[in-house]
């Protein structure tokens, strides 16, 4: 039986990871995203793994191919393929994970969300994702977009808050690594209870004295202060009783960020 042929268009972090993962299971090749050099017309799957803004251009430049063409974006609609009449079998195969070049992950734990132009394409995309993942499921473009937005909150924004914490501590001669046990325990808790129930800190307990102390500490750091106020207000709003007996629950006064 001939080995499955998978072409991956792209050279970024996602493309590199998918190439390594699928290379252990199939005849896998990397395709130059700028020239399409190396593209195999008879490939069973062609995965477009580039920045979202470049997907449309690559689809437009693709020649007629034998196999299924799919992009790996969470926020890009499957409808983009409808602009290319010569592509009949198409879809999406989106891995919900953050990737770093050179760092191997447990592929079996990575959720893959797929969508196809028809039921047969979806069956084959599920089979493709299941070659490396134990968690493959169907999700249309709307669901994937919501997943991608949530992933930005859960991963990108959280990492940025860590970066802010790192700089804040470094400027004070302290070490971010001292926060790692706290970060690890926070992560462990949400494996077993919903994040809302795991929430701790001054905003959720309406500790206005501590909040004021923190705001004073950040008085010379306007960006930090604005983020602190915004997130504290969001935490307070999420945890406010549905029928409060009074209006004493903490409400941050967010500064006008448009003022000079």
C-alpha atoms as a PDB file:
ATOM      1  CA  UNK A   1       0.000   0.000   0.000  1.00  0.00           C
ATOM      2  CA  UNK A   2       1.370   3.424  -0.979  1.00  0.00           C
ATOM      3  CA  UNK A   3       2.287   5.752   1.850  1.00  0.00           C
ATOM      4  CA  UNK A   4       0.065   8.775   2.380  1.00  0.00           C
ATOM      5  CA  UNK A   5       1.495  11.960   0.845  1.00  0.00           C
ATOM      6  CA  UNK A   6       1.143  15.186   2.831  1.00  0.00           C
ATOM      7  CA  UNK A   7       2.426  18.543   1.581  1.00  0.00           C
ATOM      8  CA  UNK A   8       2.704  21.378   4.097  1.00  0.00           C
ATOM      9  CA  UNK A   9       2.831  24.893   2.688  1.00  0.00           C
ATOM     10  CA  UNK A  10       4.651  27.114   5.158  1.00  0.00           C
ATOM     11  CA  UNK A  11       7.824  27.458   7.193  1.00  0.00           C
ATOM     12  CA  UNK A  12       6.550  28.924  10.452  1.00  0.00           C
ATOM     13  CA  UNK A  13       6.060  27.369  13.875  1.00  0.00           C
ATOM     14  CA  UNK A  14       2.806  25.542  13.118  1.00  0.00           C
ATOM     15  CA  UNK A  15       4.064  24.269   9.760  1.00  0.00           C
ATOM     16  CA  UNK A  16       7.333  23.080  11.276  1.00  0.00           C
ATOM     17  CA  UNK A  17       5.547  21.226  14.051  1.00  0.00           C
ATOM     18  CA  UNK A  18       3.067  19.565  11.697  1.00  0.00           C
ATOM     19  CA  UNK A  19       5.888  18.511   9.386  1.00  0.00           C
ATOM     20  CA  UNK A  20       7.737  16.829  12.258  1.00  0.00           C
ATOM     21  CA  UNK A  21       4.581  15.162  13.580  1.00  0.00           C
ATOM     22  CA  UNK A  22       3.304  13.842  10.244  1.00  0.00           C
ATOM     23  CA  UNK A  23       6.772  12.830   9.015  1.00  0.00           C
ATOM     24  CA  UNK A  24       6.665   9.961  11.473  1.00  0.00           C
ATOM     25  CA  UNK A  25       3.431   8.688   9.916  1.00  0.00           C
ATOM     26  CA  UNK A  26       3.477   9.636   6.229  1.00  0.00           C
ATOM     27  CA  UNK A  27       5.496  10.836   3.234  1.00  0.00           C
ATOM     28  CA  UNK A  28       5.608  14.503   4.202  1.00  0.00           C
ATOM     29  CA  UNK A  29       7.135  17.436   2.319  1.00  0.00           C
ATOM     30  CA  UNK A  30       7.580  21.160   2.972  1.00  0.00           C
ATOM     31  CA  UNK A  31       6.422  23.560   0.246  1.00  0.00           C
ATOM     32  CA  UNK A  32       7.825  27.065  -0.194  1.00  0.00           C
ATOM     33  CA  UNK A  33       4.899  29.410   0.609  1.00  0.00           C
ATOM     34  CA  UNK A  34       6.211  32.150  -1.689  1.00  0.00           C
ATOM     35  CA  UNK A  35       6.888  30.126  -4.848  1.00  0.00           C
ATOM     36  CA  UNK A  36       5.000  26.863  -4.126  1.00  0.00           C
ATOM     37  CA  UNK A  37       8.241  25.097  -5.043  1.00  0.00           C
ATOM     38  CA  UNK A  38       8.077  21.454  -3.983  1.00  0.00           C
ATOM     39  CA  UNK A  39       4.290  21.149  -4.311  1.00  0.00           C
ATOM     40  CA  UNK A  40       3.250  17.657  -5.374  1.00  0.00           C
ATOM     41  CA  UNK A  41       0.174  17.630  -7.593  1.00  0.00           C
ATOM     42  CA  UNK A  42      -0.605  14.064  -6.506  1.00  0.00           C
ATOM     43  CA  UNK A  43      -0.395  14.732  -2.739  1.00  0.00           C
ATOM     44  CA  UNK A  44      -3.284  13.290  -0.738  1.00  0.00           C
ATOM     45  CA  UNK A  45      -3.405  16.344   1.530  1.00  0.00           C
ATOM     46  CA  UNK A  46      -2.083  19.861   1.068  1.00  0.00           C
ATOM     47  CA  UNK A  47      -2.058  21.801   4.347  1.00  0.00           C
ATOM     48  CA  UNK A  48      -1.767  25.580   4.095  1.00  0.00           C
ATOM     49  CA  UNK A  49      -0.036  26.648   7.288  1.00  0.00           C
ATOM     50  CA  UNK A  50       0.827  30.329   6.930  1.00  0.00           C
ATOM     51  CA  UNK A  51      -0.319  33.621   8.460  1.00  0.00           C
ATOM     52  CA  UNK A  52      -4.039  34.211   8.064  1.00  0.00           C
ATOM     53  CA  UNK A  53      -3.540  37.156   5.722  1.00  0.00           C
ATOM     54  CA  UNK A  54      -1.564  34.981   3.258  1.00  0.00           C
ATOM     55  CA  UNK A  55      -4.009  32.064   2.995  1.00  0.00           C
ATOM     56  CA  UNK A  56      -6.178  33.653   0.301  1.00  0.00           C
ATOM     57  CA  UNK A  57      -3.217  34.431  -1.961  1.00  0.00           C
ATOM     58  CA  UNK A  58      -1.899  30.873  -1.704  1.00  0.00           C
ATOM     59  CA  UNK A  59      -5.320  29.425  -2.520  1.00  0.00           C
ATOM     60  CA  UNK A  60      -5.530  31.731  -5.535  1.00  0.00           C
ATOM     61  CA  UNK A  61      -2.124  30.571  -6.825  1.00  0.00           C
ATOM     62  CA  UNK A  62      -2.629  26.848  -6.295  1.00  0.00           C
ATOM     63  CA  UNK A  63      -2.757  24.718  -9.459  1.00  0.00           C
ATOM     64  CA  UNK A  64      -5.310  21.951  -9.874  1.00  0.00           C
ATOM     65  CA  UNK A  65      -4.381  19.215  -7.419  1.00  0.00           C
ATOM     66  CA  UNK A  66      -5.519  15.671  -6.721  1.00  0.00           C
ATOM     67  CA  UNK A  67      -5.997  15.700  -2.980  1.00  0.00           C
ATOM     68  CA  UNK A  68      -7.727  17.662  -0.221  1.00  0.00           C
ATOM     69  CA  UNK A  69      -6.548  21.215   0.380  1.00  0.00           C
ATOM     70  CA  UNK A  70      -6.994  22.496   3.942  1.00  0.00           C
ATOM     71  CA  UNK A  71      -5.749  25.463   5.925  1.00  0.00           C
ATOM     72  CA  UNK A  72      -4.805  25.259   9.592  1.00  0.00           C
ATOM     73  CA  UNK A  73      -6.214  28.594  10.813  1.00  0.00           C
ATOM     74  CA  UNK A  74      -8.665  28.914  13.667  1.00  0.00           C
ATOM     75  CA  UNK A  75     -10.070  32.300  12.679  1.00  0.00           C
ATOM     76  CA  UNK A  76     -10.258  31.960   8.869  1.00  0.00           C
ATOM     77  CA  UNK A  77     -13.513  30.748   7.313  1.00  0.00           C
ATOM     78  CA  UNK A  78     -13.687  27.684   5.095  1.00  0.00           C
ATOM     79  CA  UNK A  79     -15.572  29.878   2.595  1.00  0.00           C
ATOM     80  CA  UNK A  80     -12.250  31.301   1.396  1.00  0.00           C
ATOM     81  CA  UNK A  81     -11.866  28.189  -0.772  1.00  0.00           C
ATOM     82  CA  UNK A  82     -15.072  28.951  -2.672  1.00  0.00           C
ATOM     83  CA  UNK A  83     -13.224  31.648  -4.606  1.00  0.00           C
ATOM     84  CA  UNK A  84     -11.134  28.953  -6.334  1.00  0.00           C
ATOM     85  CA  UNK A  85     -13.289  26.843  -8.658  1.00  0.00           C
ATOM     86  CA  UNK A  86     -10.528  24.332  -9.414  1.00  0.00           C
ATOM     87  CA  UNK A  87     -10.360  23.258  -5.745  1.00  0.00           C
ATOM     88  CA  UNK A  88     -13.258  20.850  -5.235  1.00  0.00           C
ATOM     89  CA  UNK A  89     -12.192  19.079  -2.029  1.00  0.00           C
ATOM     90  CA  UNK A  90     -11.214  21.468   0.727  1.00  0.00           C
ATOM     91  CA  UNK A  91     -11.452  22.097   4.425  1.00  0.00           C
ATOM     92  CA  UNK A  92      -9.816  23.151   7.661  1.00  0.00           C
ATOM     93  CA  UNK A  93      -7.622  21.223  10.100  1.00  0.00           C
ATOM     94  CA  UNK A  94      -6.949  23.537  13.051  1.00  0.00           C
ATOM     95  CA  UNK A  95      -4.635  22.485  15.907  1.00  0.00           C
ATOM     96  CA  UNK A  96      -5.550  24.390  19.064  1.00  0.00           C
ATOM     97  CA  UNK A  97      -2.129  24.807  20.621  1.00  0.00           C
ATOM     98  CA  UNK A  98       0.752  27.270  20.950  1.00  0.00           C
ATOM     99  CA  UNK A  99       3.897  26.128  19.157  1.00  0.00           C
ATOM    100  CA  UNK A 100       7.578  26.912  19.598  1.00  0.00           C
ATOM    101  CA  UNK A 101      10.186  25.877  17.050  1.00  0.00           C
ATOM    102  CA  UNK A 102      12.398  23.098  18.377  1.00  0.00           C
ATOM    103  CA  UNK A 103      10.069  22.174  21.260  1.00  0.00           C
ATOM    104  CA  UNK A 104       8.311  18.848  20.915  1.00  0.00           C
ATOM    105  CA  UNK A 105       4.821  18.437  22.316  1.00  0.00           C
ATOM    106  CA  UNK A 106       2.567  15.513  23.093  1.00  0.00           C
ATOM    107  CA  UNK A 107       0.718  15.510  19.777  1.00  0.00           C
ATOM    108  CA  UNK A 108      -1.862  13.042  21.044  1.00  0.00           C
ATOM    109  CA  UNK A 109      -3.184  15.659  23.502  1.00  0.00           C
ATOM    110  CA  UNK A 110      -3.522  18.505  20.984  1.00  0.00           C
ATOM    111  CA  UNK A 111      -7.180  19.183  20.030  1.00  0.00           C
ATOM    112  CA  UNK A 112      -7.673  19.279  16.252  1.00  0.00           C
ATOM    113  CA  UNK A 113     -10.820  20.902  14.872  1.00  0.00           C
ATOM    114  CA  UNK A 114     -11.734  20.007  11.305  1.00  0.00           C
ATOM    115  CA  UNK A 115     -14.339  21.079   8.754  1.00  0.00           C
ATOM    116  CA  UNK A 116     -14.788  19.868   5.189  1.00  0.00           C
ATOM    117  CA  UNK A 117     -16.520  20.786   1.957  1.00  0.00           C
ATOM    118  CA  UNK A 118     -18.583  17.580   2.263  1.00  0.00           C
ATOM    119  CA  UNK A 119     -19.020  14.564   4.517  1.00  0.00           C
ATOM    120  CA  UNK A 120     -16.343  12.499   2.765  1.00  0.00           C
ATOM    121  CA  UNK A 121     -13.766  15.272   3.078  1.00  0.00           C
ATOM    122  CA  UNK A 122     -14.599  15.603   6.774  1.00  0.00           C
ATOM    123  CA  UNK A 123     -14.177  11.858   7.242  1.00  0.00           C
ATOM    124  CA  UNK A 124     -10.743  11.992   5.654  1.00  0.00           C
ATOM    125  CA  UNK A 125      -9.693  15.082   7.607  1.00  0.00           C
ATOM    126  CA  UNK A 126     -10.710  13.392  10.837  1.00  0.00           C
ATOM    127  CA  UNK A 127      -8.637  10.377   9.832  1.00  0.00           C
ATOM    128  CA  UNK A 128      -5.702  12.667   9.045  1.00  0.00           C
ATOM    129  CA  UNK A 129      -5.870  14.484  12.393  1.00  0.00           C
ATOM    130  CA  UNK A 130      -6.323  11.176  14.219  1.00  0.00           C
ATOM    131  CA  UNK A 131      -2.969  10.005  12.862  1.00  0.00           C
ATOM    132  CA  UNK A 132      -1.270  12.200  15.462  1.00  0.00           C
ATOM    133  CA  UNK A 133      -4.025  13.306  17.863  1.00  0.00           C
ATOM    134  CA  UNK A 134      -6.434  11.502  20.165  1.00  0.00           C
ATOM    135  CA  UNK A 135      -8.690  14.563  20.229  1.00  0.00           C
ATOM    136  CA  UNK A 136     -10.075  15.312  16.752  1.00  0.00           C
ATOM    137  CA  UNK A 137     -13.557  16.778  16.383  1.00  0.00           C
ATOM    138  CA  UNK A 138     -15.710  18.642  13.876  1.00  0.00           C
ATOM    139  CA  UNK A 139     -16.208  22.395  14.284  1.00  0.00           C
ATOM    140  CA  UNK A 140     -17.567  24.863  11.755  1.00  0.00           C
ATOM    141  CA  UNK A 141     -16.002  28.252  11.040  1.00  0.00           C
ATOM    142  CA  UNK A 142     -18.092  30.098  13.654  1.00  0.00           C
ATOM    143  CA  UNK A 143     -17.138  27.673  16.432  1.00  0.00           C
ATOM    144  CA  UNK A 144     -13.470  27.761  15.446  1.00  0.00           C
ATOM    145  CA  UNK A 145     -13.473  31.552  15.506  1.00  0.00           C
ATOM    146  CA  UNK A 146     -14.910  31.521  19.028  1.00  0.00           C
ATOM    147  CA  UNK A 147     -12.281  28.964  20.050  1.00  0.00           C
ATOM    148  CA  UNK A 148      -9.567  31.180  18.615  1.00  0.00           C
ATOM    149  CA  UNK A 149     -10.814  34.261  20.492  1.00  0.00           C
ATOM    150  CA  UNK A 150     -10.925  32.248  23.729  1.00  0.00           C
ATOM    151  CA  UNK A 151      -7.409  30.952  23.039  1.00  0.00           C
ATOM    152  CA  UNK A 152      -6.122  34.519  22.740  1.00  0.00           C
ATOM    153  CA  UNK A 153      -7.548  35.302  26.183  1.00  0.00           C
ATOM    154  CA  UNK A 154      -6.307  32.054  27.731  1.00  0.00           C
ATOM    155  CA  UNK A 155      -2.855  31.972  26.149  1.00  0.00           C
ATOM    156  CA  UNK A 156      -1.667  35.186  24.492  1.00  0.00           C
ATOM    157  CA  UNK A 157      -3.115  37.626  27.027  1.00  0.00           C
ATOM    158  CA  UNK A 158      -2.092  35.450  29.970  1.00  0.00           C
ATOM    159  CA  UNK A 159       1.470  35.226  28.658  1.00  0.00           C
ATOM    160  CA  UNK A 160       1.546  39.010  28.269  1.00  0.00           C
ATOM    161  CA  UNK A 161       0.485  39.396  31.906  1.00  0.00           C
ATOM    162  CA  UNK A 162       3.374  37.111  32.856  1.00  0.00           C
ATOM    163  CA  UNK A 163       5.711  39.321  30.795  1.00  0.00           C
ATOM    164  CA  UNK A 164       4.439  42.394  32.646  1.00  0.00           C
ATOM    165  CA  UNK A 165       4.926  40.632  35.981  1.00  0.00           C
ATOM    166  CA  UNK A 166       8.455  39.629  34.954  1.00  0.00           C
ATOM    167  CA  UNK A 167       9.426  43.203  34.095  1.00  0.00           C
ATOM    168  CA  UNK A 168       7.762  44.631  37.217  1.00  0.00           C
ATOM    169  CA  UNK A 169       9.689  42.236  39.445  1.00  0.00           C
ATOM    170  CA  UNK A 170      12.936  42.573  37.525  1.00  0.00           C
ATOM    171  CA  UNK A 171      12.832  46.357  37.898  1.00  0.00           C
ATOM    172  CA  UNK A 172      12.496  45.806  41.658  1.00  0.00           C
ATOM    173  CA  UNK A 173      15.399  43.343  41.784  1.00  0.00           C
ATOM    174  CA  UNK A 174      13.088  40.359  42.235  1.00  0.00           C
ATOM    175  CA  UNK A 175      12.789  37.087  40.299  1.00  0.00           C
ATOM    176  CA  UNK A 176       9.774  36.052  38.217  1.00  0.00           C
ATOM    177  CA  UNK A 177      10.618  32.413  38.928  1.00  0.00           C
ATOM    178  CA  UNK A 178       9.335  32.922  42.468  1.00  0.00           C
ATOM    179  CA  UNK A 179       5.835  33.123  40.915  1.00  0.00           C
ATOM    180  CA  UNK A 180       6.122  29.747  39.178  1.00  0.00           C
ATOM    181  CA  UNK A 181       4.633  27.669  42.054  1.00  0.00           C
ATOM    182  CA  UNK A 182       1.678  30.086  42.148  1.00  0.00           C
ATOM    183  CA  UNK A 183       1.226  29.884  38.375  1.00  0.00           C
ATOM    184  CA  UNK A 184       1.444  26.091  38.462  1.00  0.00           C
ATOM    185  CA  UNK A 185      -1.150  25.776  41.216  1.00  0.00           C
ATOM    186  CA  UNK A 186      -3.483  28.173  39.390  1.00  0.00           C
ATOM    187  CA  UNK A 187      -3.207  25.966  36.301  1.00  0.00           C
ATOM    188  CA  UNK A 188      -3.737  22.765  38.282  1.00  0.00           C
ATOM    189  CA  UNK A 189      -6.934  24.064  39.888  1.00  0.00           C
ATOM    190  CA  UNK A 190      -8.728  24.770  36.615  1.00  0.00           C
ATOM    191  CA  UNK A 191      -8.240  21.143  35.589  1.00  0.00           C
ATOM    192  CA  UNK A 192     -10.805  20.210  38.224  1.00  0.00           C
ATOM    193  CA  UNK A 193     -13.014  23.234  38.859  1.00  0.00           C
ATOM    194  CA  UNK A 194     -14.351  25.999  36.573  1.00  0.00           C
ATOM    195  CA  UNK A 195     -12.074  29.061  36.373  1.00  0.00           C
ATOM    196  CA  UNK A 196     -14.757  31.278  37.900  1.00  0.00           C
ATOM    197  CA  UNK A 197     -14.868  29.084  41.012  1.00  0.00           C
ATOM    198  CA  UNK A 198     -11.061  29.075  41.183  1.00  0.00           C
ATOM    199  CA  UNK A 199     -10.854  32.878  41.237  1.00  0.00           C
ATOM    200  CA  UNK A 200      -9.006  34.394  44.185  1.00  0.00           C
ATOM    201  CA  UNK A 201      -7.565  37.834  44.923  1.00  0.00           C
ATOM    202  CA  UNK A 202      -8.693  41.227  46.208  1.00  0.00           C
ATOM    203  CA  UNK A 203     -11.215  42.002  43.450  1.00  0.00           C
ATOM    204  CA  UNK A 204     -13.294  38.854  43.974  1.00  0.00           C
ATOM    205  CA  UNK A 205     -13.452  39.374  47.741  1.00  0.00           C
ATOM    206  CA  UNK A 206     -14.109  43.121  47.502  1.00  0.00           C
ATOM    207  CA  UNK A 207     -10.916  43.975  49.387  1.00  0.00           C
ATOM    208  CA  UNK A 208     -10.878  47.672  48.575  1.00  0.00           C
ATOM    209  CA  UNK A 209      -8.011  48.515  50.919  1.00  0.00           C
ATOM    210  CA  UNK A 210      -5.658  46.112  49.135  1.00  0.00           C
ATOM    211  CA  UNK A 211      -6.853  47.275  45.716  1.00  0.00           C
ATOM    212  CA  UNK A 212      -6.164  50.902  46.639  1.00  0.00           C
ATOM    213  CA  UNK A 213      -2.701  49.919  47.882  1.00  0.00           C
ATOM    214  CA  UNK A 214      -1.945  48.181  44.596  1.00  0.00           C
ATOM    215  CA  UNK A 215      -3.218  51.112  42.540  1.00  0.00           C
ATOM    216  CA  UNK A 216      -0.989  53.473  44.531  1.00  0.00           C
ATOM    217  CA  UNK A 217       1.973  51.170  43.857  1.00  0.00           C
ATOM    218  CA  UNK A 218       1.253  51.404  40.121  1.00  0.00           C
ATOM    219  CA  UNK A 219       0.734  55.170  40.091  1.00  0.00           C
ATOM    220  CA  UNK A 220       3.851  55.774  37.980  1.00  0.00           C
ATOM    221  CA  UNK A 221       3.069  52.895  35.612  1.00  0.00           C
ATOM    222  CA  UNK A 222      -0.052  54.025  33.712  1.00  0.00           C
ATOM    223  CA  UNK A 223      -0.242  50.974  31.437  1.00  0.00           C
ATOM    224  CA  UNK A 224      -0.017  48.585  34.395  1.00  0.00           C
ATOM    225  CA  UNK A 225      -2.531  50.656  36.330  1.00  0.00           C
ATOM    226  CA  UNK A 226      -5.064  50.677  33.472  1.00  0.00           C
ATOM    227  CA  UNK A 227      -4.793  46.899  33.036  1.00  0.00           C
ATOM    228  CA  UNK A 228      -5.085  46.335  36.781  1.00  0.00           C
ATOM    229  CA  UNK A 229      -8.225  48.481  36.970  1.00  0.00           C
ATOM    230  CA  UNK A 230      -9.814  46.925  33.885  1.00  0.00           C
ATOM    231  CA  UNK A 231      -9.251  43.326  35.002  1.00  0.00           C
ATOM    232  CA  UNK A 232     -10.252  44.023  38.600  1.00  0.00           C
ATOM    233  CA  UNK A 233     -13.489  45.548  37.360  1.00  0.00           C
ATOM    234  CA  UNK A 234     -14.117  42.539  35.106  1.00  0.00           C
ATOM    235  CA  UNK A 235     -13.512  40.123  38.001  1.00  0.00           C
ATOM    236  CA  UNK A 236     -15.834  42.115  40.255  1.00  0.00           C
ATOM    237  CA  UNK A 237     -18.570  42.197  37.604  1.00  0.00           C
ATOM    238  CA  UNK A 238     -18.346  38.461  36.915  1.00  0.00           C
ATOM    239  CA  UNK A 239     -18.615  37.634  40.611  1.00  0.00           C
ATOM    240  CA  UNK A 240     -21.226  40.195  41.599  1.00  0.00           C
ATOM    241  CA  UNK A 241     -24.341  38.567  43.133  1.00  0.00           C
ATOM    242  CA  UNK A 242     -27.322  38.460  40.782  1.00  0.00           C
ATOM    243  CA  UNK A 243     -29.489  40.225  43.360  1.00  0.00           C
ATOM    244  CA  UNK A 244     -27.131  42.301  45.504  1.00  0.00           C
ATOM    245  CA  UNK A 245     -28.608  43.717  48.685  1.00  0.00           C
ATOM    246  CA  UNK A 246     -26.723  46.990  48.238  1.00  0.00           C
ATOM    247  CA  UNK A 247     -24.312  48.791  45.906  1.00  0.00           C
ATOM    248  CA  UNK A 248     -21.218  48.300  48.051  1.00  0.00           C
ATOM    249  CA  UNK A 249     -19.544  45.819  45.696  1.00  0.00           C
ATOM    250  CA  UNK A 250     -16.243  47.157  44.399  1.00  0.00           C
ATOM    251  CA  UNK A 251     -16.354  49.027  41.102  1.00  0.00           C
ATOM    252  CA  UNK A 252     -13.062  50.186  39.571  1.00  0.00           C
ATOM    253  CA  UNK A 253     -12.929  53.664  38.115  1.00  0.00           C
ATOM    254  CA  UNK A 254     -11.177  53.079  34.817  1.00  0.00           C
ATOM    255  CA  UNK A 255      -9.221  56.136  33.658  1.00  0.00           C
ATOM    256  CA  UNK A 256      -9.870  57.738  30.279  1.00  0.00           C
ATOM    257  CA  UNK A 257      -7.066  56.237  28.218  1.00  0.00           C
ATOM    258  CA  UNK A 258      -7.592  58.793  25.454  1.00  0.00           C
ATOM    259  CA  UNK A 259      -6.493  61.681  27.643  1.00  0.00           C
ATOM    260  CA  UNK A 260      -2.915  62.865  27.324  1.00  0.00           C
END
